[in-house]
Amino acid sequence: MKGLEIKDLPFSLRAIVASDHVMGESKQDILLKSADAIEELVAAVPKWISVEERLPHYLDHVLCVNKYGIQMVGYLTDYKEGGFRCESGMDSCDYITHWMPLPVPPKEVLPNGEV
């Protein structure tokens, strides 16, 4: 983001109430940058995607939910009567209606499980 870190957003918004300028920036500049940061945050929030709209890539692990509201992490496999199936290890779940990508793992965790 340009000029204002998201983590600094609450401080900056509170500071403009008390002053005309905050750290050399005008209230208007801070408000505009804050609006940009809020739009960036809203865009980053994961949203449920209907299996009718699109499917995840083959074998990508995703969060799935079925028509009964049961959620699980797995990958969509084949189309069964009434919907897709989500599988993960020994568990499976039929009638998947929606899915969403999983968040990116923390930087401290390496792909092979080492910390």
N, C-alpha and C. Protein backbone atom coordinates (compact mmCIF):
# COMPACT_ATOMS: atom_id res chain seq x y z
N MET A 1 0.84 -1.18 0.00
CA MET A 1 0.00 0.00 0.00
C MET A 1 0.88 1.24 0.00
N LYS A 2 0.40 2.30 -0.58
CA LYS A 2 1.20 3.50 -0.78
C LYS A 2 1.18 4.39 0.46
N GLY A 3 2.29 4.49 1.20
CA GLY A 3 2.46 5.50 2.22
C GLY A 3 1.85 5.23 3.58
N LEU A 4 0.92 4.33 3.72
CA LEU A 4 0.29 4.07 5.01
C LEU A 4 0.13 2.57 5.17
N GLU A 5 0.77 2.01 6.18
CA GLU A 5 0.65 0.59 6.44
C GLU A 5 -0.69 0.31 7.10
N ILE A 6 -1.28 -0.83 6.77
CA ILE A 6 -2.58 -1.18 7.33
C ILE A 6 -2.52 -1.21 8.85
N LYS A 7 -1.41 -1.69 9.41
CA LYS A 7 -1.29 -1.76 10.87
C LYS A 7 -1.30 -0.38 11.52
N ASP A 8 -0.93 0.67 10.75
CA ASP A 8 -0.92 2.04 11.27
C ASP A 8 -2.26 2.75 11.10
N LEU A 9 -3.19 2.12 10.42
CA LEU A 9 -4.47 2.75 10.11
C LEU A 9 -5.25 3.22 11.34
N PRO A 10 -5.45 2.41 12.37
CA PRO A 10 -6.21 2.90 13.54
C PRO A 10 -5.57 4.11 14.20
N PHE A 11 -4.24 4.08 14.39
CA PHE A 11 -3.55 5.22 15.00
C PHE A 11 -3.74 6.48 14.17
N SER A 12 -3.55 6.37 12.87
CA SER A 12 -3.66 7.54 11.99
C SER A 12 -5.06 8.12 11.99
N LEU A 13 -6.06 7.27 11.96
CA LEU A 13 -7.44 7.77 11.96
C LEU A 13 -7.77 8.47 13.29
N ARG A 14 -7.30 7.90 14.39
CA ARG A 14 -7.55 8.55 15.68
C ARG A 14 -6.78 9.87 15.81
N ALA A 15 -5.58 9.91 15.24
CA ALA A 15 -4.75 11.10 15.35
C ALA A 15 -5.31 12.28 14.57
N ILE A 16 -6.01 12.04 13.47
CA ILE A 16 -6.52 13.17 12.69
C ILE A 16 -7.62 13.93 13.42
N VAL A 17 -8.23 13.29 14.39
CA VAL A 17 -9.25 13.97 15.18
C VAL A 17 -8.63 15.10 16.00
N ALA A 18 -7.40 14.91 16.45
CA ALA A 18 -6.76 15.85 17.36
C ALA A 18 -5.87 16.89 16.67
N SER A 19 -5.62 16.76 15.39
CA SER A 19 -4.64 17.64 14.76
C SER A 19 -4.97 17.88 13.29
N ASP A 20 -4.43 18.98 12.75
CA ASP A 20 -4.60 19.25 11.33
C ASP A 20 -3.64 18.43 10.48
N HIS A 21 -2.48 18.12 11.03
CA HIS A 21 -1.49 17.33 10.32
C HIS A 21 -0.98 16.22 11.24
N VAL A 22 -0.73 15.08 10.68
CA VAL A 22 -0.19 13.96 11.43
C VAL A 22 1.05 13.48 10.69
N MET A 23 2.17 13.54 11.36
CA MET A 23 3.44 13.11 10.78
C MET A 23 3.64 13.70 9.39
N GLY A 24 3.35 14.99 9.24
CA GLY A 24 3.59 15.69 7.99
C GLY A 24 2.55 15.47 6.91
N GLU A 25 1.47 14.77 7.22
CA GLU A 25 0.43 14.53 6.21
C GLU A 25 -0.86 15.23 6.62
N SER A 26 -1.60 15.70 5.65
CA SER A 26 -2.86 16.37 5.93
C SER A 26 -3.94 15.33 6.27
N LYS A 27 -5.01 15.79 6.91
CA LYS A 27 -6.13 14.91 7.23
C LYS A 27 -6.69 14.28 5.96
N GLN A 28 -6.80 15.09 4.92
CA GLN A 28 -7.36 14.60 3.66
C GLN A 28 -6.50 13.45 3.09
N ASP A 29 -5.17 13.62 3.12
CA ASP A 29 -4.28 12.57 2.61
C ASP A 29 -4.44 11.28 3.43
N ILE A 30 -4.51 11.42 4.74
CA ILE A 30 -4.65 10.24 5.60
C ILE A 30 -5.99 9.57 5.35
N LEU A 31 -7.05 10.35 5.21
CA LEU A 31 -8.37 9.75 4.95
C LEU A 31 -8.40 9.03 3.61
N LEU A 32 -7.80 9.61 2.60
CA LEU A 32 -7.76 8.96 1.29
C LEU A 32 -6.95 7.66 1.34
N LYS A 33 -5.80 7.70 2.02
CA LYS A 33 -4.99 6.49 2.15
C LYS A 33 -5.71 5.44 3.01
N SER A 34 -6.46 5.90 4.00
CA SER A 34 -7.22 4.98 4.84
C SER A 34 -8.31 4.30 4.03
N ALA A 35 -8.98 5.06 3.16
CA ALA A 35 -10.02 4.48 2.30
C ALA A 35 -9.41 3.42 1.39
N ASP A 36 -8.21 3.69 0.84
CA ASP A 36 -7.52 2.71 0.00
C ASP A 36 -7.20 1.44 0.81
N ALA A 37 -6.74 1.61 2.05
CA ALA A 37 -6.40 0.47 2.90
C ALA A 37 -7.63 -0.36 3.22
N ILE A 38 -8.75 0.29 3.48
CA ILE A 38 -9.99 -0.43 3.78
C ILE A 38 -10.44 -1.22 2.56
N GLU A 39 -10.36 -0.62 1.37
CA GLU A 39 -10.72 -1.34 0.15
C GLU A 39 -9.82 -2.56 -0.05
N GLU A 40 -8.54 -2.41 0.26
CA GLU A 40 -7.59 -3.51 0.14
C GLU A 40 -7.95 -4.65 1.11
N LEU A 41 -8.32 -4.30 2.33
CA LEU A 41 -8.72 -5.31 3.31
C LEU A 41 -9.98 -6.04 2.90
N VAL A 42 -10.97 -5.29 2.42
CA VAL A 42 -12.23 -5.90 1.99
C VAL A 42 -11.98 -6.87 0.84
N ALA A 43 -11.13 -6.49 -0.10
CA ALA A 43 -10.83 -7.35 -1.24
C ALA A 43 -10.09 -8.63 -0.81
N ALA A 44 -9.37 -8.57 0.31
CA ALA A 44 -8.58 -9.71 0.77
C ALA A 44 -9.39 -10.74 1.55
N VAL A 45 -10.60 -10.38 1.96
CA VAL A 45 -11.43 -11.30 2.75
C VAL A 45 -11.93 -12.42 1.83
N PRO A 46 -11.67 -13.68 2.18
CA PRO A 46 -12.13 -14.78 1.34
C PRO A 46 -13.65 -14.83 1.28
N LYS A 47 -14.17 -15.24 0.14
CA LYS A 47 -15.61 -15.36 -0.05
C LYS A 47 -15.94 -16.75 -0.56
N TRP A 48 -17.10 -17.27 -0.18
CA TRP A 48 -17.55 -18.57 -0.68
C TRP A 48 -17.77 -18.49 -2.17
N ILE A 49 -17.33 -19.52 -2.89
CA ILE A 49 -17.50 -19.61 -4.34
C ILE A 49 -18.38 -20.81 -4.63
N SER A 50 -19.44 -20.60 -5.37
CA SER A 50 -20.35 -21.69 -5.73
C SER A 50 -19.67 -22.64 -6.71
N VAL A 51 -19.93 -23.95 -6.56
CA VAL A 51 -19.38 -24.91 -7.52
C VAL A 51 -20.01 -24.71 -8.89
N GLU A 52 -21.15 -24.04 -8.93
CA GLU A 52 -21.77 -23.74 -10.22
C GLU A 52 -21.06 -22.58 -10.92
N GLU A 53 -20.43 -21.70 -10.13
CA GLU A 53 -19.69 -20.57 -10.69
C GLU A 53 -18.34 -21.02 -11.25
N ARG A 54 -17.57 -21.72 -10.42
CA ARG A 54 -16.28 -22.27 -10.86
C ARG A 54 -15.78 -23.26 -9.83
N LEU A 55 -14.81 -24.06 -10.24
CA LEU A 55 -14.24 -25.09 -9.37
C LEU A 55 -12.78 -24.75 -9.07
N PRO A 56 -12.27 -25.25 -7.94
CA PRO A 56 -10.85 -25.04 -7.65
C PRO A 56 -9.99 -25.86 -8.62
N HIS A 57 -8.71 -25.55 -8.67
CA HIS A 57 -7.80 -26.33 -9.51
C HIS A 57 -7.72 -27.76 -8.98
N TYR A 58 -7.43 -28.67 -9.84
CA TYR A 58 -7.34 -30.09 -9.51
C TYR A 58 -6.40 -30.32 -8.33
N LEU A 59 -6.90 -30.99 -7.31
CA LEU A 59 -6.19 -31.38 -6.09
C LEU A 59 -5.75 -30.21 -5.21
N ASP A 60 -6.20 -28.99 -5.47
CA ASP A 60 -5.94 -27.88 -4.55
C ASP A 60 -6.79 -28.06 -3.30
N HIS A 61 -6.17 -28.00 -2.13
CA HIS A 61 -6.91 -28.10 -0.88
C HIS A 61 -7.67 -26.80 -0.64
N VAL A 62 -8.94 -26.93 -0.31
CA VAL A 62 -9.82 -25.79 -0.09
C VAL A 62 -10.74 -26.08 1.09
N LEU A 63 -11.40 -25.05 1.58
CA LEU A 63 -12.45 -25.22 2.58
C LEU A 63 -13.74 -25.46 1.81
N CYS A 64 -14.42 -26.57 2.11
CA CYS A 64 -15.65 -26.94 1.41
C CYS A 64 -16.82 -26.90 2.38
N VAL A 65 -18.01 -26.66 1.85
CA VAL A 65 -19.23 -26.76 2.65
C VAL A 65 -20.29 -27.45 1.78
N ASN A 66 -21.07 -28.33 2.42
CA ASN A 66 -22.09 -29.03 1.65
C ASN A 66 -23.48 -28.46 1.92
N LYS A 67 -24.49 -29.05 1.29
CA LYS A 67 -25.85 -28.51 1.40
C LYS A 67 -26.42 -28.64 2.80
N TYR A 68 -25.77 -29.39 3.67
CA TYR A 68 -26.21 -29.52 5.06
C TYR A 68 -25.45 -28.60 6.00
N GLY A 69 -24.51 -27.83 5.47
CA GLY A 69 -23.71 -26.91 6.29
C GLY A 69 -22.47 -27.53 6.89
N ILE A 70 -22.16 -28.76 6.54
CA ILE A 70 -20.95 -29.42 7.05
C ILE A 70 -19.74 -28.87 6.29
N GLN A 71 -18.71 -28.48 7.05
CA GLN A 71 -17.50 -27.92 6.45
C GLN A 71 -16.33 -28.87 6.66
N MET A 72 -15.43 -28.88 5.71
CA MET A 72 -14.20 -29.65 5.86
C MET A 72 -13.15 -29.10 4.92
N VAL A 73 -11.89 -29.36 5.25
CA VAL A 73 -10.79 -29.01 4.37
C VAL A 73 -10.47 -30.24 3.54
N GLY A 74 -10.36 -30.06 2.27
CA GLY A 74 -10.05 -31.17 1.39
C GLY A 74 -9.91 -30.68 -0.03
N TYR A 75 -10.09 -31.59 -0.97
CA TYR A 75 -10.04 -31.22 -2.38
C TYR A 75 -11.26 -31.82 -3.06
N LEU A 76 -11.81 -31.09 -4.02
CA LEU A 76 -12.97 -31.59 -4.75
C LEU A 76 -12.52 -32.70 -5.68
N THR A 77 -13.29 -33.77 -5.66
CA THR A 77 -12.94 -34.89 -6.53
C THR A 77 -13.97 -34.99 -7.65
N ASP A 78 -14.75 -35.99 -7.60
CA ASP A 78 -15.67 -36.23 -8.70
C ASP A 78 -17.08 -35.69 -8.43
N TYR A 79 -17.83 -35.58 -9.49
CA TYR A 79 -19.22 -35.14 -9.38
C TYR A 79 -20.07 -36.35 -9.04
N LYS A 80 -20.80 -36.26 -7.95
CA LYS A 80 -21.73 -37.32 -7.54
C LYS A 80 -23.14 -36.80 -7.77
N GLU A 81 -24.09 -37.67 -7.67
CA GLU A 81 -25.48 -37.24 -7.82
C GLU A 81 -25.76 -36.10 -6.84
N GLY A 82 -26.16 -34.96 -7.36
CA GLY A 82 -26.52 -33.84 -6.52
C GLY A 82 -25.39 -32.90 -6.15
N GLY A 83 -24.17 -33.19 -6.55
CA GLY A 83 -23.09 -32.25 -6.24
C GLY A 83 -21.73 -32.90 -6.22
N PHE A 84 -20.73 -32.10 -5.88
CA PHE A 84 -19.36 -32.58 -5.85
C PHE A 84 -19.06 -33.23 -4.52
N ARG A 85 -17.97 -33.96 -4.49
CA ARG A 85 -17.49 -34.65 -3.29
C ARG A 85 -16.18 -33.99 -2.89
N CYS A 86 -15.99 -33.83 -1.58
CA CYS A 86 -14.75 -33.29 -1.03
C CYS A 86 -14.09 -34.39 -0.23
N GLU A 87 -12.81 -34.64 -0.48
CA GLU A 87 -12.09 -35.70 0.22
C GLU A 87 -10.83 -35.15 0.87
N SER A 88 -10.48 -35.75 2.02
CA SER A 88 -9.27 -35.38 2.72
C SER A 88 -8.84 -36.56 3.58
N GLY A 89 -7.80 -37.26 3.17
CA GLY A 89 -7.36 -38.42 3.94
C GLY A 89 -8.44 -39.47 4.00
N MET A 90 -8.91 -39.77 5.22
CA MET A 90 -9.92 -40.80 5.39
C MET A 90 -11.35 -40.25 5.34
N ASP A 91 -11.52 -38.95 5.41
CA ASP A 91 -12.85 -38.35 5.43
C ASP A 91 -13.29 -37.93 4.03
N SER A 92 -14.60 -37.92 3.84
CA SER A 92 -15.15 -37.38 2.60
C SER A 92 -16.50 -36.77 2.91
N CYS A 93 -16.95 -35.92 2.04
CA CYS A 93 -18.20 -35.21 2.24
C CYS A 93 -18.85 -35.01 0.87
N ASP A 94 -20.11 -35.42 0.75
CA ASP A 94 -20.84 -35.30 -0.51
C ASP A 94 -21.66 -34.02 -0.55
N TYR A 95 -22.18 -33.73 -1.72
CA TYR A 95 -23.10 -32.61 -1.97
C TYR A 95 -22.46 -31.25 -1.67
N ILE A 96 -21.19 -31.08 -2.08
CA ILE A 96 -20.49 -29.80 -1.89
C ILE A 96 -21.16 -28.75 -2.76
N THR A 97 -21.50 -27.62 -2.15
CA THR A 97 -22.14 -26.53 -2.88
C THR A 97 -21.23 -25.33 -3.06
N HIS A 98 -20.30 -25.11 -2.10
CA HIS A 98 -19.43 -23.94 -2.12
C HIS A 98 -18.05 -24.32 -1.61
N TRP A 99 -17.09 -23.51 -1.95
CA TRP A 99 -15.70 -23.70 -1.50
C TRP A 99 -15.02 -22.34 -1.43
N MET A 100 -13.89 -22.28 -0.74
CA MET A 100 -13.05 -21.08 -0.72
C MET A 100 -11.60 -21.49 -0.52
N PRO A 101 -10.67 -20.69 -1.06
CA PRO A 101 -9.25 -21.00 -0.89
C PRO A 101 -8.86 -20.96 0.58
N LEU A 102 -7.86 -21.74 0.93
CA LEU A 102 -7.30 -21.69 2.28
C LEU A 102 -6.35 -20.50 2.38
N PRO A 103 -6.18 -19.96 3.58
CA PRO A 103 -5.20 -18.87 3.73
C PRO A 103 -3.79 -19.40 3.50
N VAL A 104 -2.88 -18.49 3.21
CA VAL A 104 -1.47 -18.83 3.03
C VAL A 104 -0.91 -19.21 4.40
N PRO A 105 -0.13 -20.30 4.49
CA PRO A 105 0.46 -20.68 5.79
C PRO A 105 1.40 -19.59 6.31
N PRO A 106 1.63 -19.55 7.62
CA PRO A 106 2.55 -18.56 8.19
C PRO A 106 3.95 -18.72 7.58
N LYS A 107 4.67 -17.62 7.48
CA LYS A 107 6.01 -17.64 6.89
C LYS A 107 6.97 -18.51 7.71
N GLU A 108 6.68 -18.66 9.02
CA GLU A 108 7.57 -19.43 9.89
C GLU A 108 7.49 -20.92 9.62
N VAL A 109 6.44 -21.38 8.92
CA VAL A 109 6.26 -22.81 8.68
C VAL A 109 6.78 -23.15 7.28
N LEU A 110 7.68 -24.11 7.23
CA LEU A 110 8.25 -24.52 5.95
C LEU A 110 7.40 -25.64 5.35
N PRO A 111 7.44 -25.82 4.04
CA PRO A 111 6.61 -26.83 3.38
C PRO A 111 6.78 -28.24 3.92
N ASN A 112 7.96 -28.62 4.40
CA ASN A 112 8.17 -30.00 4.88
C ASN A 112 7.82 -30.15 6.36
N GLY A 113 7.21 -29.14 6.97
CA GLY A 113 6.76 -29.24 8.35
C GLY A 113 7.74 -28.72 9.38
N GLU A 114 8.94 -28.35 8.96
CA GLU A 114 9.91 -27.79 9.91
C GLU A 114 9.51 -26.39 10.32
N VAL A 115 9.85 -26.04 11.55
CA VAL A 115 9.55 -24.69 12.04
C VAL A 115 10.82 -23.92 12.23
